[in-house]
Amino acid sequence: MKNYLVLTFLFLIFISACTPTGEVVYDLDELVLDGPYLVTYTVDGDTADVTINGETERLRFSGINTPETGECYYQEAKDKLTELILNKNVYLEKDKTDEGKYGRLLRYVYLDENNLVNEILVEQGYARVYDKYSYDTKRYEQLKQAEARAQNKNLGVWSCTDKFKDCLYVGSKNSDKYYPPTCKWAKKIKEENKICFNSEEEVKDRIPGQC
């Protein structure tokens, strides 16, 4: 049987109310947190494993997206999530959709009722808001406000510049293949291993990769 921590807060209605300074507040009549559950592993900056009723479940942090392997600020985001939650008990809140397309639980993850990890990662620049699924993200507006604060301060991912975006092709020191800079496989090459090619001549002895 799952344990539930139910916490009720009074908020102004989001659609119709703002503070005198223009800050938006949220209609969260009842915050229902499921847990506590122990975090046993952090996969990357927005994915982790927790133990629920003796079973390991993989969580995808709802509403946010951290850099992929090889992208700027990937390791920093993973390290921050590890620092925040690994080997600690957390509480979970469901989003509008229960699971993502890969079978991972879509959740808002709390250290306690006042500390939403999803929001912490966004506000400190370790994650962006996942705008693609805004319609399905219960806390979208809340996260977007946190994102604006990070962006205004040029924190984390907002300080990253893509020095390879103007290359004709990119490759890896550890491979003979080359790709257009926008290719998903090019983006997975670790920054320290990337090579920039600016002409066809430079890749004549290499193999074109499939995107």
C-alpha atoms as a PDB file:
ATOM      1  CA  MET A   1       0.000   0.000   0.000  1.00  0.00           C
ATOM      2  CA  LYS A   2       1.418   3.377  -0.981  1.00  0.00           C
ATOM      3  CA  ASN A   3       1.865   6.067   1.599  1.00  0.00           C
ATOM      4  CA  TYR A   4       0.489   9.482   0.736  1.00  0.00           C
ATOM      5  CA  LEU A   5       1.424  12.855   2.090  1.00  0.00           C
ATOM      6  CA  VAL A   6      -1.412  15.248   1.365  1.00  0.00           C
ATOM      7  CA  LEU A   7      -0.696  18.925   1.813  1.00  0.00           C
ATOM      8  CA  THR A   8      -3.238  21.633   1.161  1.00  0.00           C
ATOM      9  CA  PHE A   9      -2.209  25.169   0.311  1.00  0.00           C
ATOM     10  CA  LEU A  10      -4.240  28.291  -0.439  1.00  0.00           C
ATOM     11  CA  PHE A  11      -3.271  30.052  -3.668  1.00  0.00           C
ATOM     12  CA  LEU A  12      -4.834  32.718  -5.856  1.00  0.00           C
ATOM     13  CA  ILE A  13      -6.285  31.465  -9.125  1.00  0.00           C
ATOM     14  CA  PHE A  14      -3.653  31.596 -11.861  1.00  0.00           C
ATOM     15  CA  ILE A  15      -5.929  32.620 -14.712  1.00  0.00           C
ATOM     16  CA  SER A  16      -7.394  35.616 -12.944  1.00  0.00           C
ATOM     17  CA  ALA A  17      -4.805  36.786 -10.415  1.00  0.00           C
ATOM     18  CA  CYS A  18      -1.326  38.265 -10.216  1.00  0.00           C
ATOM     19  CA  THR A  19       0.593  39.958  -7.428  1.00  0.00           C
ATOM     20  CA  PRO A  20       0.899  43.784  -7.483  1.00  0.00           C
ATOM     21  CA  THR A  21       4.350  43.355  -9.087  1.00  0.00           C
ATOM     22  CA  GLY A  22       2.902  41.264 -11.902  1.00  0.00           C
ATOM     23  CA  GLU A  23       4.230  37.945 -10.627  1.00  0.00           C
ATOM     24  CA  VAL A  24       1.917  35.072 -11.489  1.00  0.00           C
ATOM     25  CA  VAL A  25       0.622  32.819  -8.728  1.00  0.00           C
ATOM     26  CA  TYR A  26      -0.851  29.366  -9.139  1.00  0.00           C
ATOM     27  CA  ASP A  27      -4.046  27.528  -8.468  1.00  0.00           C
ATOM     28  CA  LEU A  28      -2.849  24.396  -6.688  1.00  0.00           C
ATOM     29  CA  ASP A  29      -5.784  23.754  -4.412  1.00  0.00           C
ATOM     30  CA  GLU A  30      -4.439  20.442  -3.178  1.00  0.00           C
ATOM     31  CA  LEU A  31      -0.874  19.207  -3.493  1.00  0.00           C
ATOM     32  CA  VAL A  32      -0.820  15.405  -3.228  1.00  0.00           C
ATOM     33  CA  LEU A  33       2.631  13.940  -2.741  1.00  0.00           C
ATOM     34  CA  ASP A  34       3.272  10.227  -2.932  1.00  0.00           C
ATOM     35  CA  GLY A  35       6.167   8.833  -0.880  1.00  0.00           C
ATOM     36  CA  PRO A  36       8.681   8.978   0.605  1.00  0.00           C
ATOM     37  CA  TYR A  37      10.738   6.900  -1.842  1.00  0.00           C
ATOM     38  CA  LEU A  38      14.492   6.302  -1.873  1.00  0.00           C
ATOM     39  CA  VAL A  39      16.482   7.467  -4.909  1.00  0.00           C
ATOM     40  CA  THR A  40      18.981   4.749  -5.845  1.00  0.00           C
ATOM     41  CA  TYR A  41      20.482   6.005  -9.103  1.00  0.00           C
ATOM     42  CA  THR A  42      20.697   9.137 -11.239  1.00  0.00           C
ATOM     43  CA  VAL A  43      20.789   8.412 -14.975  1.00  0.00           C
ATOM     44  CA  ASP A  44      21.374  11.984 -16.130  1.00  0.00           C
ATOM     45  CA  GLY A  45      20.144  15.459 -15.241  1.00  0.00           C
ATOM     46  CA  ASP A  46      16.428  14.693 -15.554  1.00  0.00           C
ATOM     47  CA  THR A  47      16.089  10.938 -15.010  1.00  0.00           C
ATOM     48  CA  ALA A  48      16.500   8.822 -11.872  1.00  0.00           C
ATOM     49  CA  ASP A  49      15.583   5.483 -10.309  1.00  0.00           C
ATOM     50  CA  VAL A  50      13.586   5.180  -7.108  1.00  0.00           C
ATOM     51  CA  THR A  51      12.392   2.236  -5.064  1.00  0.00           C
ATOM     52  CA  ILE A  52       8.592   2.025  -4.871  1.00  0.00           C
ATOM     53  CA  ASN A  53       7.049  -0.884  -2.969  1.00  0.00           C
ATOM     54  CA  GLY A  54      10.266  -2.876  -3.301  1.00  0.00           C
ATOM     55  CA  GLU A  55      10.490  -2.349  -7.073  1.00  0.00           C
ATOM     56  CA  THR A  56      12.838  -0.064  -8.994  1.00  0.00           C
ATOM     57  CA  GLU A  57      10.974   2.523 -11.049  1.00  0.00           C
ATOM     58  CA  ARG A  58      12.546   4.968 -13.488  1.00  0.00           C
ATOM     59  CA  LEU A  59      11.389   8.581 -13.250  1.00  0.00           C
ATOM     60  CA  ARG A  60      11.496  11.218 -15.976  1.00  0.00           C
ATOM     61  CA  PHE A  61      11.315  14.646 -14.357  1.00  0.00           C
ATOM     62  CA  SER A  62       8.203  16.194 -15.820  1.00  0.00           C
ATOM     63  CA  GLY A  63       8.248  19.489 -17.686  1.00  0.00           C
ATOM     64  CA  ILE A  64      12.015  19.896 -17.993  1.00  0.00           C
ATOM     65  CA  ASN A  65      14.873  18.858 -20.251  1.00  0.00           C
ATOM     66  CA  THR A  66      18.571  18.778 -19.384  1.00  0.00           C
ATOM     67  CA  PRO A  67      21.476  18.516 -21.869  1.00  0.00           C
ATOM     68  CA  GLU A  68      22.193  15.159 -23.519  1.00  0.00           C
ATOM     69  CA  THR A  69      25.541  13.334 -23.387  1.00  0.00           C
ATOM     70  CA  GLY A  70      28.196  15.428 -25.096  1.00  0.00           C
ATOM     71  CA  GLU A  71      26.209  18.660 -24.910  1.00  0.00           C
ATOM     72  CA  CYS A  72      27.266  21.704 -22.936  1.00  0.00           C
ATOM     73  CA  TYR A  73      26.353  21.446 -19.238  1.00  0.00           C
ATOM     74  CA  TYR A  74      25.428  17.739 -19.395  1.00  0.00           C
ATOM     75  CA  GLN A  75      27.803  16.652 -16.634  1.00  0.00           C
ATOM     76  CA  GLU A  76      27.023  19.658 -14.443  1.00  0.00           C
ATOM     77  CA  ALA A  77      23.288  18.889 -14.637  1.00  0.00           C
ATOM     78  CA  LYS A  78      23.808  15.234 -13.779  1.00  0.00           C
ATOM     79  CA  ASP A  79      26.128  16.115 -10.904  1.00  0.00           C
ATOM     80  CA  LYS A  80      23.621  18.618  -9.517  1.00  0.00           C
ATOM     81  CA  LEU A  81      20.762  16.129  -9.604  1.00  0.00           C
ATOM     82  CA  THR A  82      23.001  13.546  -7.911  1.00  0.00           C
ATOM     83  CA  GLU A  83      23.868  16.052  -5.207  1.00  0.00           C
ATOM     84  CA  LEU A  84      20.218  16.927  -4.640  1.00  0.00           C
ATOM     85  CA  ILE A  85      18.566  13.509  -4.494  1.00  0.00           C
ATOM     86  CA  LEU A  86      20.864  10.459  -4.632  1.00  0.00           C
ATOM     87  CA  ASN A  87      20.395   8.163  -1.602  1.00  0.00           C
ATOM     88  CA  LYS A  88      17.737  10.505  -0.262  1.00  0.00           C
ATOM     89  CA  ASN A  89      14.001  10.111   0.215  1.00  0.00           C
ATOM     90  CA  VAL A  90      11.831  12.121  -2.144  1.00  0.00           C
ATOM     91  CA  TYR A  91       8.128  12.720  -2.678  1.00  0.00           C
ATOM     92  CA  LEU A  92       6.438  12.439  -6.067  1.00  0.00           C
ATOM     93  CA  GLU A  93       3.596  14.318  -7.707  1.00  0.00           C
ATOM     94  CA  LYS A  94       1.893  13.021 -10.863  1.00  0.00           C
ATOM     95  CA  ASP A  95       1.553  15.156 -13.969  1.00  0.00           C
ATOM     96  CA  LYS A  96      -1.383  15.126 -16.404  1.00  0.00           C
ATOM     97  CA  THR A  97       0.093  12.046 -18.092  1.00  0.00           C
ATOM     98  CA  ASP A  98       1.317   9.183 -15.900  1.00  0.00           C
ATOM     99  CA  GLU A  99       4.029   7.703 -18.155  1.00  0.00           C
ATOM    100  CA  GLY A 100       6.148   8.834 -21.103  1.00  0.00           C
ATOM    101  CA  LYS A 101       6.611   6.966 -24.365  1.00  0.00           C
ATOM    102  CA  TYR A 102       9.524   4.947 -22.950  1.00  0.00           C
ATOM    103  CA  GLY A 103       7.531   3.710 -19.964  1.00  0.00           C
ATOM    104  CA  ARG A 104       9.144   6.059 -17.460  1.00  0.00           C
ATOM    105  CA  LEU A 105       6.985   7.668 -14.784  1.00  0.00           C
ATOM    106  CA  LEU A 106       6.456  11.382 -15.425  1.00  0.00           C
ATOM    107  CA  ARG A 107       6.766  13.085 -12.053  1.00  0.00           C
ATOM    108  CA  TYR A 108       7.447  16.274 -10.174  1.00  0.00           C
ATOM    109  CA  VAL A 109      10.018  15.378  -7.536  1.00  0.00           C
ATOM    110  CA  TYR A 110      10.115  17.062  -4.121  1.00  0.00           C
ATOM    111  CA  LEU A 111      12.674  17.044  -1.344  1.00  0.00           C
ATOM    112  CA  ASP A 112       9.821  18.325   0.821  1.00  0.00           C
ATOM    113  CA  GLU A 113       6.645  20.315   0.228  1.00  0.00           C
ATOM    114  CA  ASN A 114       8.637  23.527  -0.307  1.00  0.00           C
ATOM    115  CA  ASN A 115      11.399  22.230  -2.582  1.00  0.00           C
ATOM    116  CA  LEU A 116      10.451  21.073  -6.073  1.00  0.00           C
ATOM    117  CA  VAL A 117      13.572  19.617  -7.685  1.00  0.00           C
ATOM    118  CA  ASN A 118      12.278  20.184 -11.230  1.00  0.00           C
ATOM    119  CA  GLU A 119      12.013  23.899 -10.466  1.00  0.00           C
ATOM    120  CA  ILE A 120      15.388  24.040  -8.704  1.00  0.00           C
ATOM    121  CA  LEU A 121      17.131  22.587 -11.769  1.00  0.00           C
ATOM    122  CA  VAL A 122      15.455  25.113 -14.069  1.00  0.00           C
ATOM    123  CA  GLU A 123      15.988  28.125 -11.804  1.00  0.00           C
ATOM    124  CA  GLN A 124      19.689  27.364 -11.350  1.00  0.00           C
ATOM    125  CA  GLY A 125      20.280  26.889 -15.081  1.00  0.00           C
ATOM    126  CA  TYR A 126      20.744  23.120 -15.201  1.00  0.00           C
ATOM    127  CA  ALA A 127      17.584  22.521 -17.252  1.00  0.00           C
ATOM    128  CA  ARG A 128      15.281  24.172 -19.747  1.00  0.00           C
ATOM    129  CA  VAL A 129      11.505  23.907 -19.725  1.00  0.00           C
ATOM    130  CA  TYR A 130      10.223  21.290 -22.175  1.00  0.00           C
ATOM    131  CA  ASP A 131       8.025  23.577 -24.273  1.00  0.00           C
ATOM    132  CA  LYS A 132       7.052  20.795 -26.699  1.00  0.00           C
ATOM    133  CA  TYR A 133       4.724  19.321 -24.065  1.00  0.00           C
ATOM    134  CA  SER A 134       3.448  22.547 -22.516  1.00  0.00           C
ATOM    135  CA  TYR A 135      -0.173  21.463 -23.042  1.00  0.00           C
ATOM    136  CA  ASP A 136       0.462  18.363 -20.933  1.00  0.00           C
ATOM    137  CA  THR A 137       2.558  19.981 -18.206  1.00  0.00           C
ATOM    138  CA  LYS A 138       0.599  20.905 -15.096  1.00  0.00           C
ATOM    139  CA  ARG A 139       3.317  23.198 -13.740  1.00  0.00           C
ATOM    140  CA  TYR A 140       4.358  24.714 -17.057  1.00  0.00           C
ATOM    141  CA  GLU A 141       3.829  28.371 -16.107  1.00  0.00           C
ATOM    142  CA  GLN A 142       5.567  27.911 -12.778  1.00  0.00           C
ATOM    143  CA  LEU A 143       8.591  26.368 -14.487  1.00  0.00           C
ATOM    144  CA  LYS A 144       8.644  29.054 -17.190  1.00  0.00           C
ATOM    145  CA  GLN A 145       8.934  31.749 -14.543  1.00  0.00           C
ATOM    146  CA  ALA A 146      11.911  29.907 -13.029  1.00  0.00           C
ATOM    147  CA  GLU A 147      13.423  29.595 -16.506  1.00  0.00           C
ATOM    148  CA  ALA A 148      13.077  33.328 -17.127  1.00  0.00           C
ATOM    149  CA  ARG A 149      14.991  34.063 -13.927  1.00  0.00           C
ATOM    150  CA  ALA A 150      17.832  31.738 -14.961  1.00  0.00           C
ATOM    151  CA  GLN A 151      17.923  33.116 -18.494  1.00  0.00           C
ATOM    152  CA  ASN A 152      18.046  36.708 -17.262  1.00  0.00           C
ATOM    153  CA  LYS A 153      21.075  35.829 -15.133  1.00  0.00           C
ATOM    154  CA  ASN A 154      22.695  33.831 -17.965  1.00  0.00           C
ATOM    155  CA  LEU A 155      23.050  30.792 -15.698  1.00  0.00           C
ATOM    156  CA  GLY A 156      24.155  27.312 -16.719  1.00  0.00           C
ATOM    157  CA  VAL A 157      22.758  26.191 -20.054  1.00  0.00           C
ATOM    158  CA  TRP A 158      21.997  29.822 -20.939  1.00  0.00           C
ATOM    159  CA  SER A 159      25.714  30.605 -20.852  1.00  0.00           C
ATOM    160  CA  CYS A 160      26.556  27.843 -23.337  1.00  0.00           C
ATOM    161  CA  THR A 161      27.651  28.754 -26.855  1.00  0.00           C
ATOM    162  CA  ASP A 162      27.817  26.238 -29.688  1.00  0.00           C
ATOM    163  CA  LYS A 163      31.270  26.782 -31.176  1.00  0.00           C
ATOM    164  CA  PHE A 164      30.609  24.045 -33.734  1.00  0.00           C
ATOM    165  CA  LYS A 165      27.354  25.393 -35.217  1.00  0.00           C
ATOM    166  CA  ASP A 166      29.157  27.108 -38.141  1.00  0.00           C
ATOM    167  CA  CYS A 167      31.210  24.040 -39.085  1.00  0.00           C
ATOM    168  CA  LEU A 168      30.470  22.354 -42.405  1.00  0.00           C
ATOM    169  CA  TYR A 169      30.769  18.992 -40.637  1.00  0.00           C
ATOM    170  CA  VAL A 170      31.745  17.731 -37.203  1.00  0.00           C
ATOM    171  CA  GLY A 171      33.407  14.490 -36.199  1.00  0.00           C
ATOM    172  CA  SER A 172      35.049  12.784 -33.264  1.00  0.00           C
ATOM    173  CA  LYS A 173      38.689  12.158 -32.463  1.00  0.00           C
ATOM    174  CA  ASN A 174      37.628   8.563 -31.786  1.00  0.00           C
ATOM    175  CA  SER A 175      35.798   7.884 -35.069  1.00  0.00           C
ATOM    176  CA  ASP A 176      36.246   8.153 -38.843  1.00  0.00           C
ATOM    177  CA  LYS A 177      32.656   9.319 -39.350  1.00  0.00           C
ATOM    178  CA  TYR A 178      31.498  12.876 -39.896  1.00  0.00           C
ATOM    179  CA  TYR A 179      28.087  14.551 -39.627  1.00  0.00           C
ATOM    180  CA  PRO A 180      26.322  17.850 -40.250  1.00  0.00           C
ATOM    181  CA  PRO A 181      26.418  19.926 -37.021  1.00  0.00           C
ATOM    182  CA  THR A 182      22.638  19.640 -36.630  1.00  0.00           C
ATOM    183  CA  CYS A 183      22.649  15.826 -36.759  1.00  0.00           C
ATOM    184  CA  LYS A 184      21.533  14.146 -33.537  1.00  0.00           C
ATOM    185  CA  TRP A 185      24.657  11.963 -33.546  1.00  0.00           C
ATOM    186  CA  ALA A 186      26.886  15.010 -33.891  1.00  0.00           C
ATOM    187  CA  LYS A 187      25.281  16.455 -30.784  1.00  0.00           C
ATOM    188  CA  LYS A 188      26.088  13.295 -28.819  1.00  0.00           C
ATOM    189  CA  ILE A 189      29.843  13.626 -29.410  1.00  0.00           C
ATOM    190  CA  LYS A 190      31.553  14.789 -26.230  1.00  0.00           C
ATOM    191  CA  GLU A 191      32.708  18.379 -26.464  1.00  0.00           C
ATOM    192  CA  GLU A 192      36.327  17.480 -25.748  1.00  0.00           C
ATOM    193  CA  ASN A 193      36.339  14.951 -28.628  1.00  0.00           C
ATOM    194  CA  LYS A 194      34.633  17.087 -31.300  1.00  0.00           C
ATOM    195  CA  ILE A 195      36.469  18.139 -34.465  1.00  0.00           C
ATOM    196  CA  CYS A 196      35.296  20.897 -36.804  1.00  0.00           C
ATOM    197  CA  PHE A 197      35.600  20.473 -40.576  1.00  0.00           C
ATOM    198  CA  ASN A 198      35.139  23.464 -42.874  1.00  0.00           C
ATOM    199  CA  SER A 199      35.601  21.900 -46.305  1.00  0.00           C
ATOM    200  CA  GLU A 200      34.902  18.747 -48.289  1.00  0.00           C
ATOM    201  CA  GLU A 201      38.650  18.276 -48.617  1.00  0.00           C
ATOM    202  CA  GLU A 202      39.012  17.838 -44.862  1.00  0.00           C
ATOM    203  CA  VAL A 203      36.585  14.884 -44.779  1.00  0.00           C
ATOM    204  CA  LYS A 204      37.637  13.134 -47.984  1.00  0.00           C
ATOM    205  CA  ASP A 205      39.238  10.263 -46.018  1.00  0.00           C
ATOM    206  CA  ARG A 206      36.339   9.942 -43.588  1.00  0.00           C
ATOM    207  CA  ILE A 207      32.967   8.148 -43.720  1.00  0.00           C
ATOM    208  CA  PRO A 208      29.713  10.122 -43.884  1.00  0.00           C
ATOM    209  CA  GLY A 209      27.526   9.205 -40.914  1.00  0.00           C
ATOM    210  CA  GLN A 210      23.774   8.629 -41.182  1.00  0.00           C
ATOM    211  CA  CYS A 211      21.559  11.026 -39.255  1.00  0.00           C
END
